[in-house]
C-alpha cells in the first residue's frame, strides 16, 4: 500500500498508538512541505513517544518555516517529558535558531534533568550564539562528566579563543575520552596557545590521541 498524505493523516488521527507511531515514521517518505504540515499534528500528540519521534524530524523539516519552527520548539522546551525537551533543544541548535538562546539558558538553569542539560550544552556550539560562552563555562564546572565533555566540544564549535585557557587543564585529564575531546576542540580553535597544548598531546600515552594531535599540528 502506497504512502500518501491522506493515509498518513488518517493514521495520525487513530486511537491506536502503534498507528500514530507508524504515521510519524511514514512522514519521512513525504515531500518536505507536506511532511512539515503533518509533523505539526504529531508534535501535539498526547503520547510522549509520538511527540519525541516527531520533534526529532524537525531538525530537517523545520527549514520549511523557521519562524513557525521556532515557536513550536519553544513550546516543546516546556514539554512534561525530558526526552522531548532534549530533542527540541537539539533541533534549535541544528536550525541555528539563536532567538531561542534565552529559552535554552533559562531551561538549563531550572531543569533538574541531566539529559536536558546535556542536550542544551551539546547544542550551543551548533547554535553559534556568542552568548553561549558563559553557559558553557558554567557547564565545565559541573560534576556530570557527560555534560562537561559536551561543553568541551561546544567550545570548539563556538570558536571563541578565550576557551583555550579554560580547556588547557583538561588536556591532563585521566579520562582519555576527555583528552580526545579537548584535542578536537583545540584543533578547531587554533592559535599559538592551542598549538602548545596539542604539542603535549602529541606525546599522549593513547596512540589515537597522539596521532590525531600530530595530524592537527600540521594544520593549526
C-alpha atoms as a PDB file:
ATOM      1  CA  UNK A   1       0.000   0.000   0.000  1.00  0.00           C
ATOM      2  CA  UNK A   2       1.453   3.340  -1.067  1.00  0.00           C
ATOM      3  CA  UNK A   3       2.039   6.099   1.475  1.00  0.00           C
ATOM      4  CA  UNK A   4       0.053   9.257   0.779  1.00  0.00           C
ATOM      5  CA  UNK A   5      -0.579  12.443   2.790  1.00  0.00           C
ATOM      6  CA  UNK A   6      -4.165  11.238   3.264  1.00  0.00           C
ATOM      7  CA  UNK A   7      -3.172   7.791   4.564  1.00  0.00           C
ATOM      8  CA  UNK A   8      -0.648   9.313   6.980  1.00  0.00           C
ATOM      9  CA  UNK A   9      -3.198  11.849   8.182  1.00  0.00           C
ATOM     10  CA  UNK A  10      -5.650   9.034   8.854  1.00  0.00           C
ATOM     11  CA  UNK A  11      -3.077   7.106  10.897  1.00  0.00           C
ATOM     12  CA  UNK A  12      -2.193  10.239  12.875  1.00  0.00           C
ATOM     13  CA  UNK A  13      -5.821  10.526  13.919  1.00  0.00           C
ATOM     14  CA  UNK A  14      -6.035   6.890  15.041  1.00  0.00           C
ATOM     15  CA  UNK A  15      -6.632   5.984  18.683  1.00  0.00           C
ATOM     16  CA  UNK A  16      -4.060   3.212  18.334  1.00  0.00           C
ATOM     17  CA  UNK A  17      -0.569   4.272  19.481  1.00  0.00           C
ATOM     18  CA  UNK A  18       1.122   1.907  17.010  1.00  0.00           C
ATOM     19  CA  UNK A  19      -0.735   3.550  14.113  1.00  0.00           C
ATOM     20  CA  UNK A  20       0.359   7.016  15.195  1.00  0.00           C
ATOM     21  CA  UNK A  21       3.991   5.957  15.636  1.00  0.00           C
ATOM     22  CA  UNK A  22       3.880   4.353  12.190  1.00  0.00           C
ATOM     23  CA  UNK A  23       2.441   7.556  10.761  1.00  0.00           C
ATOM     24  CA  UNK A  24       5.303   9.648  12.137  1.00  0.00           C
ATOM     25  CA  UNK A  25       7.776   7.235  10.578  1.00  0.00           C
ATOM     26  CA  UNK A  26       5.947   7.397   7.245  1.00  0.00           C
ATOM     27  CA  UNK A  27       6.090  11.202   7.252  1.00  0.00           C
ATOM     28  CA  UNK A  28       9.754  10.781   6.239  1.00  0.00           C
ATOM     29  CA  UNK A  29       8.573   9.415   2.890  1.00  0.00           C
ATOM     30  CA  UNK A  30       6.544  12.503   2.026  1.00  0.00           C
ATOM     31  CA  UNK A  31       7.507  15.703   0.248  1.00  0.00           C
ATOM     32  CA  UNK A  32       9.046  18.132   2.805  1.00  0.00           C
ATOM     33  CA  UNK A  33       6.358  20.839   2.680  1.00  0.00           C
ATOM     34  CA  UNK A  34       3.589  18.289   3.263  1.00  0.00           C
ATOM     35  CA  UNK A  35       5.678  16.453   5.849  1.00  0.00           C
ATOM     36  CA  UNK A  36       6.220  19.678   7.792  1.00  0.00           C
ATOM     37  CA  UNK A  37       2.475  20.314   7.861  1.00  0.00           C
ATOM     38  CA  UNK A  38       1.715  16.819   9.169  1.00  0.00           C
ATOM     39  CA  UNK A  39       4.522  16.801  11.722  1.00  0.00           C
ATOM     40  CA  UNK A  40       2.819  19.754  13.423  1.00  0.00           C
ATOM     41  CA  UNK A  41      -0.080  17.446  14.313  1.00  0.00           C
ATOM     42  CA  UNK A  42       2.293  14.802  15.654  1.00  0.00           C
ATOM     43  CA  UNK A  43       4.253  17.165  17.948  1.00  0.00           C
ATOM     44  CA  UNK A  44       0.977  17.869  19.755  1.00  0.00           C
ATOM     45  CA  UNK A  45       0.155  14.182  20.302  1.00  0.00           C
ATOM     46  CA  UNK A  46      -0.950  13.040  23.760  1.00  0.00           C
ATOM     47  CA  UNK A  47       1.751  10.340  23.830  1.00  0.00           C
ATOM     48  CA  UNK A  48       5.365  11.318  24.594  1.00  0.00           C
ATOM     49  CA  UNK A  49       6.828   8.677  22.247  1.00  0.00           C
ATOM     50  CA  UNK A  50       4.910  10.135  19.314  1.00  0.00           C
ATOM     51  CA  UNK A  51       5.948  13.679  20.246  1.00  0.00           C
ATOM     52  CA  UNK A  52       9.590  12.607  20.576  1.00  0.00           C
ATOM     53  CA  UNK A  53       9.593  10.839  17.191  1.00  0.00           C
ATOM     54  CA  UNK A  54       8.008  13.901  15.609  1.00  0.00           C
ATOM     55  CA  UNK A  55      10.252  16.561  17.114  1.00  0.00           C
ATOM     56  CA  UNK A  56      13.305  14.512  16.117  1.00  0.00           C
ATOM     57  CA  UNK A  57      12.419  15.232  12.471  1.00  0.00           C
ATOM     58  CA  UNK A  58      12.221  18.988  12.902  1.00  0.00           C
ATOM     59  CA  UNK A  59      15.989  19.459  12.535  1.00  0.00           C
ATOM     60  CA  UNK A  60      15.406  18.794   8.816  1.00  0.00           C
ATOM     61  CA  UNK A  61      11.755  19.687   8.239  1.00  0.00           C
ATOM     62  CA  UNK A  62      11.990  22.877  10.292  1.00  0.00           C
ATOM     63  CA  UNK A  63      13.753  24.662   7.427  1.00  0.00           C
ATOM     64  CA  UNK A  64      10.356  24.839   5.691  1.00  0.00           C
ATOM     65  CA  UNK A  65       9.339  27.670   8.037  1.00  0.00           C
ATOM     66  CA  UNK A  66      11.952  28.754  10.567  1.00  0.00           C
ATOM     67  CA  UNK A  67       9.721  31.190  12.442  1.00  0.00           C
ATOM     68  CA  UNK A  68       6.970  28.627  12.914  1.00  0.00           C
ATOM     69  CA  UNK A  69       9.567  26.015  13.887  1.00  0.00           C
ATOM     70  CA  UNK A  70      10.977  28.409  16.483  1.00  0.00           C
ATOM     71  CA  UNK A  71       7.524  28.823  18.020  1.00  0.00           C
ATOM     72  CA  UNK A  72       6.880  25.065  18.045  1.00  0.00           C
ATOM     73  CA  UNK A  73      10.265  24.198  19.547  1.00  0.00           C
ATOM     74  CA  UNK A  74       9.966  26.879  22.216  1.00  0.00           C
ATOM     75  CA  UNK A  75       6.708  25.282  23.302  1.00  0.00           C
ATOM     76  CA  UNK A  76       8.322  21.841  23.328  1.00  0.00           C
ATOM     77  CA  UNK A  77      11.067  23.066  25.672  1.00  0.00           C
ATOM     78  CA  UNK A  78       8.254  23.118  28.251  1.00  0.00           C
ATOM     79  CA  UNK A  79       7.090  19.584  27.462  1.00  0.00           C
ATOM     80  CA  UNK A  80       6.461  17.391  30.549  1.00  0.00           C
ATOM     81  CA  UNK A  81       8.724  14.693  29.064  1.00  0.00           C
ATOM     82  CA  UNK A  82      12.509  15.323  29.381  1.00  0.00           C
ATOM     83  CA  UNK A  83      13.271  13.327  26.199  1.00  0.00           C
ATOM     84  CA  UNK A  84      11.050  15.669  24.200  1.00  0.00           C
ATOM     85  CA  UNK A  85      12.634  18.759  25.783  1.00  0.00           C
ATOM     86  CA  UNK A  86      16.099  17.407  24.957  1.00  0.00           C
ATOM     87  CA  UNK A  87      15.134  16.691  21.338  1.00  0.00           C
ATOM     88  CA  UNK A  88      13.689  20.206  20.995  1.00  0.00           C
ATOM     89  CA  UNK A  89      16.962  21.684  22.251  1.00  0.00           C
ATOM     90  CA  UNK A  90      18.890  19.604  19.694  1.00  0.00           C
ATOM     91  CA  UNK A  91      16.698  20.901  16.863  1.00  0.00           C
ATOM     92  CA  UNK A  92      17.077  24.547  17.906  1.00  0.00           C
ATOM     93  CA  UNK A  93      20.835  24.155  17.530  1.00  0.00           C
ATOM     94  CA  UNK A  94      20.605  22.276  14.247  1.00  0.00           C
ATOM     95  CA  UNK A  95      18.375  25.017  12.797  1.00  0.00           C
ATOM     96  CA  UNK A  96      20.629  27.737  14.300  1.00  0.00           C
ATOM     97  CA  UNK A  97      17.652  29.495  15.875  1.00  0.00           C
ATOM     98  CA  UNK A  98      19.635  31.920  18.027  1.00  0.00           C
ATOM     99  CA  UNK A  99      16.427  33.676  19.086  1.00  0.00           C
ATOM    100  CA  UNK A 100      15.856  30.733  21.420  1.00  0.00           C
ATOM    101  CA  UNK A 101      19.099  31.238  23.356  1.00  0.00           C
ATOM    102  CA  UNK A 102      17.377  32.843  26.366  1.00  0.00           C
ATOM    103  CA  UNK A 103      14.860  29.975  26.478  1.00  0.00           C
ATOM    104  CA  UNK A 104      17.672  27.407  26.460  1.00  0.00           C
ATOM    105  CA  UNK A 105      19.606  29.256  29.147  1.00  0.00           C
ATOM    106  CA  UNK A 106      16.574  29.546  31.397  1.00  0.00           C
ATOM    107  CA  UNK A 107      15.780  25.852  30.980  1.00  0.00           C
ATOM    108  CA  UNK A 108      19.387  24.880  31.735  1.00  0.00           C
ATOM    109  CA  UNK A 109      19.287  26.870  34.962  1.00  0.00           C
ATOM    110  CA  UNK A 110      15.958  25.445  36.131  1.00  0.00           C
ATOM    111  CA  UNK A 111      15.734  21.827  34.966  1.00  0.00           C
ATOM    112  CA  UNK A 112      16.736  19.021  37.338  1.00  0.00           C
ATOM    113  CA  UNK A 113      17.142  16.652  34.363  1.00  0.00           C
ATOM    114  CA  UNK A 114      20.756  15.919  33.375  1.00  0.00           C
ATOM    115  CA  UNK A 115      19.685  14.746  29.908  1.00  0.00           C
ATOM    116  CA  UNK A 116      18.056  18.103  29.170  1.00  0.00           C
ATOM    117  CA  UNK A 117      21.116  19.962  30.463  1.00  0.00           C
ATOM    118  CA  UNK A 118      23.357  17.753  28.315  1.00  0.00           C
ATOM    119  CA  UNK A 119      21.337  18.435  25.145  1.00  0.00           C
ATOM    120  CA  UNK A 120      21.364  22.186  25.756  1.00  0.00           C
ATOM    121  CA  UNK A 121      25.133  22.259  26.264  1.00  0.00           C
ATOM    122  CA  UNK A 122      25.747  19.965  23.293  1.00  0.00           C
ATOM    123  CA  UNK A 123      23.629  22.172  21.020  1.00  0.00           C
ATOM    124  CA  UNK A 124      25.191  25.519  21.992  1.00  0.00           C
ATOM    125  CA  UNK A 125      28.187  25.035  19.702  1.00  0.00           C
ATOM    126  CA  UNK A 126      25.943  24.329  16.732  1.00  0.00           C
ATOM    127  CA  UNK A 127      23.644  27.210  17.669  1.00  0.00           C
ATOM    128  CA  UNK A 128      26.623  29.539  17.305  1.00  0.00           C
ATOM    129  CA  UNK A 129      25.379  32.294  19.618  1.00  0.00           C
ATOM    130  CA  UNK A 130      28.384  34.006  21.284  1.00  0.00           C
ATOM    131  CA  UNK A 131      26.315  34.392  24.479  1.00  0.00           C
ATOM    132  CA  UNK A 132      26.648  30.627  24.907  1.00  0.00           C
ATOM    133  CA  UNK A 133      30.242  31.056  26.116  1.00  0.00           C
ATOM    134  CA  UNK A 134      29.312  31.844  29.730  1.00  0.00           C
ATOM    135  CA  UNK A 135      26.846  28.965  29.906  1.00  0.00           C
ATOM    136  CA  UNK A 136      29.500  26.564  28.604  1.00  0.00           C
ATOM    137  CA  UNK A 137      31.892  27.909  31.222  1.00  0.00           C
ATOM    138  CA  UNK A 138      29.290  27.077  33.874  1.00  0.00           C
ATOM    139  CA  UNK A 139      28.809  23.583  32.440  1.00  0.00           C
ATOM    140  CA  UNK A 140      32.550  22.951  32.526  1.00  0.00           C
ATOM    141  CA  UNK A 141      32.373  23.113  36.340  1.00  0.00           C
ATOM    142  CA  UNK A 142      29.541  20.609  36.653  1.00  0.00           C
ATOM    143  CA  UNK A 143      30.122  17.248  38.310  1.00  0.00           C
ATOM    144  CA  UNK A 144      28.419  15.389  35.461  1.00  0.00           C
ATOM    145  CA  UNK A 145      31.171  14.129  33.133  1.00  0.00           C
ATOM    146  CA  UNK A 146      28.894  13.841  30.101  1.00  0.00           C
ATOM    147  CA  UNK A 147      27.786  17.477  30.398  1.00  0.00           C
ATOM    148  CA  UNK A 148      31.406  18.545  30.927  1.00  0.00           C
ATOM    149  CA  UNK A 149      32.511  16.639  27.812  1.00  0.00           C
ATOM    150  CA  UNK A 150      29.690  18.189  25.775  1.00  0.00           C
ATOM    151  CA  UNK A 151      30.820  21.649  26.927  1.00  0.00           C
ATOM    152  CA  UNK A 152      34.379  20.954  25.741  1.00  0.00           C
ATOM    153  CA  UNK A 153      33.102  20.002  22.280  1.00  0.00           C
ATOM    154  CA  UNK A 154      30.786  23.010  22.065  1.00  0.00           C
ATOM    155  CA  UNK A 155      33.625  25.371  22.996  1.00  0.00           C
ATOM    156  CA  UNK A 156      35.441  24.079  19.930  1.00  0.00           C
ATOM    157  CA  UNK A 157      32.440  24.737  17.695  1.00  0.00           C
ATOM    158  CA  UNK A 158      31.765  28.183  19.140  1.00  0.00           C
ATOM    159  CA  UNK A 159      35.174  29.395  18.025  1.00  0.00           C
ATOM    160  CA  UNK A 160      35.991  31.819  20.861  1.00  0.00           C
ATOM    161  CA  UNK A 161      39.738  31.687  21.596  1.00  0.00           C
ATOM    162  CA  UNK A 162      39.060  32.654  25.220  1.00  0.00           C
ATOM    163  CA  UNK A 163      38.109  28.987  25.637  1.00  0.00           C
ATOM    164  CA  UNK A 164      41.713  27.802  25.162  1.00  0.00           C
ATOM    165  CA  UNK A 165      42.922  28.565  28.733  1.00  0.00           C
ATOM    166  CA  UNK A 166      39.702  27.034  30.101  1.00  0.00           C
ATOM    167  CA  UNK A 167      40.262  23.814  28.172  1.00  0.00           C
ATOM    168  CA  UNK A 168      44.017  23.521  28.726  1.00  0.00           C
ATOM    169  CA  UNK A 169      43.815  21.855  32.192  1.00  0.00           C
ATOM    170  CA  UNK A 170      41.585  19.118  30.751  1.00  0.00           C
ATOM    171  CA  UNK A 171      44.404  18.015  28.438  1.00  0.00           C
ATOM    172  CA  UNK A 172      45.810  16.304  31.554  1.00  0.00           C
ATOM    173  CA  UNK A 173      42.516  14.623  32.472  1.00  0.00           C
ATOM    174  CA  UNK A 174      42.910  10.935  33.440  1.00  0.00           C
ATOM    175  CA  UNK A 175      39.976  10.024  31.174  1.00  0.00           C
ATOM    176  CA  UNK A 176      41.356   9.604  27.653  1.00  0.00           C
ATOM    177  CA  UNK A 177      37.959  10.432  26.133  1.00  0.00           C
ATOM    178  CA  UNK A 178      38.041  13.859  27.783  1.00  0.00           C
ATOM    179  CA  UNK A 179      41.575  14.452  26.469  1.00  0.00           C
ATOM    180  CA  UNK A 180      40.409  13.408  22.999  1.00  0.00           C
ATOM    181  CA  UNK A 181      37.534  15.922  23.090  1.00  0.00           C
ATOM    182  CA  UNK A 182      39.964  18.637  24.225  1.00  0.00           C
ATOM    183  CA  UNK A 183      42.225  17.751  21.318  1.00  0.00           C
ATOM    184  CA  UNK A 184      39.381  18.089  18.800  1.00  0.00           C
ATOM    185  CA  UNK A 185      38.192  21.371  20.333  1.00  0.00           C
ATOM    186  CA  UNK A 186      41.678  22.925  20.350  1.00  0.00           C
ATOM    187  CA  UNK A 187      42.268  21.782  16.761  1.00  0.00           C
ATOM    188  CA  UNK A 188      39.182  23.739  15.726  1.00  0.00           C
ATOM    189  CA  UNK A 189      40.075  26.794  17.794  1.00  0.00           C
ATOM    190  CA  UNK A 190      43.693  27.074  16.671  1.00  0.00           C
ATOM    191  CA  UNK A 191      46.167  29.749  17.747  1.00  0.00           C
ATOM    192  CA  UNK A 192      49.559  29.615  19.470  1.00  0.00           C
ATOM    193  CA  UNK A 193      48.251  28.588  22.910  1.00  0.00           C
ATOM    194  CA  UNK A 194      46.179  25.767  21.447  1.00  0.00           C
ATOM    195  CA  UNK A 195      49.181  24.621  19.430  1.00  0.00           C
ATOM    196  CA  UNK A 196      51.302  24.378  22.603  1.00  0.00           C
ATOM    197  CA  UNK A 197      48.736  22.049  24.202  1.00  0.00           C
ATOM    198  CA  UNK A 198      48.491  19.978  21.011  1.00  0.00           C
ATOM    199  CA  UNK A 199      52.262  19.510  21.085  1.00  0.00           C
ATOM    200  CA  UNK A 200      51.890  17.999  24.562  1.00  0.00           C
ATOM    201  CA  UNK A 201      49.045  15.761  23.408  1.00  0.00           C
ATOM    202  CA  UNK A 202      51.199  14.562  20.512  1.00  0.00           C
ATOM    203  CA  UNK A 203      53.099  12.577  23.172  1.00  0.00           C
ATOM    204  CA  UNK A 204      49.972  11.168  24.807  1.00  0.00           C
ATOM    205  CA  UNK A 205      50.108   7.572  26.028  1.00  0.00           C
ATOM    206  CA  UNK A 206      46.981   6.789  23.988  1.00  0.00           C
ATOM    207  CA  UNK A 207      48.109   6.244  20.422  1.00  0.00           C
ATOM    208  CA  UNK A 208      44.887   7.543  18.828  1.00  0.00           C
ATOM    209  CA  UNK A 209      45.246  10.870  20.682  1.00  0.00           C
ATOM    210  CA  UNK A 210      48.967  11.206  19.877  1.00  0.00           C
ATOM    211  CA  UNK A 211      48.381  10.515  16.173  1.00  0.00           C
ATOM    212  CA  UNK A 212      45.404  12.862  15.932  1.00  0.00           C
ATOM    213  CA  UNK A 213      47.378  15.617  17.701  1.00  0.00           C
ATOM    214  CA  UNK A 214      50.274  15.210  15.248  1.00  0.00           C
ATOM    215  CA  UNK A 215      47.865  15.458  12.312  1.00  0.00           C
ATOM    216  CA  UNK A 216      46.218  18.536  13.822  1.00  0.00           C
ATOM    217  CA  UNK A 217      49.576  20.274  14.323  1.00  0.00           C
ATOM    218  CA  UNK A 218      50.118  20.195  10.575  1.00  0.00           C
ATOM    219  CA  UNK A 219      47.042  22.351  10.012  1.00  0.00           C
ATOM    220  CA  UNK A 220      46.987  24.621  13.099  1.00  0.00           C
END
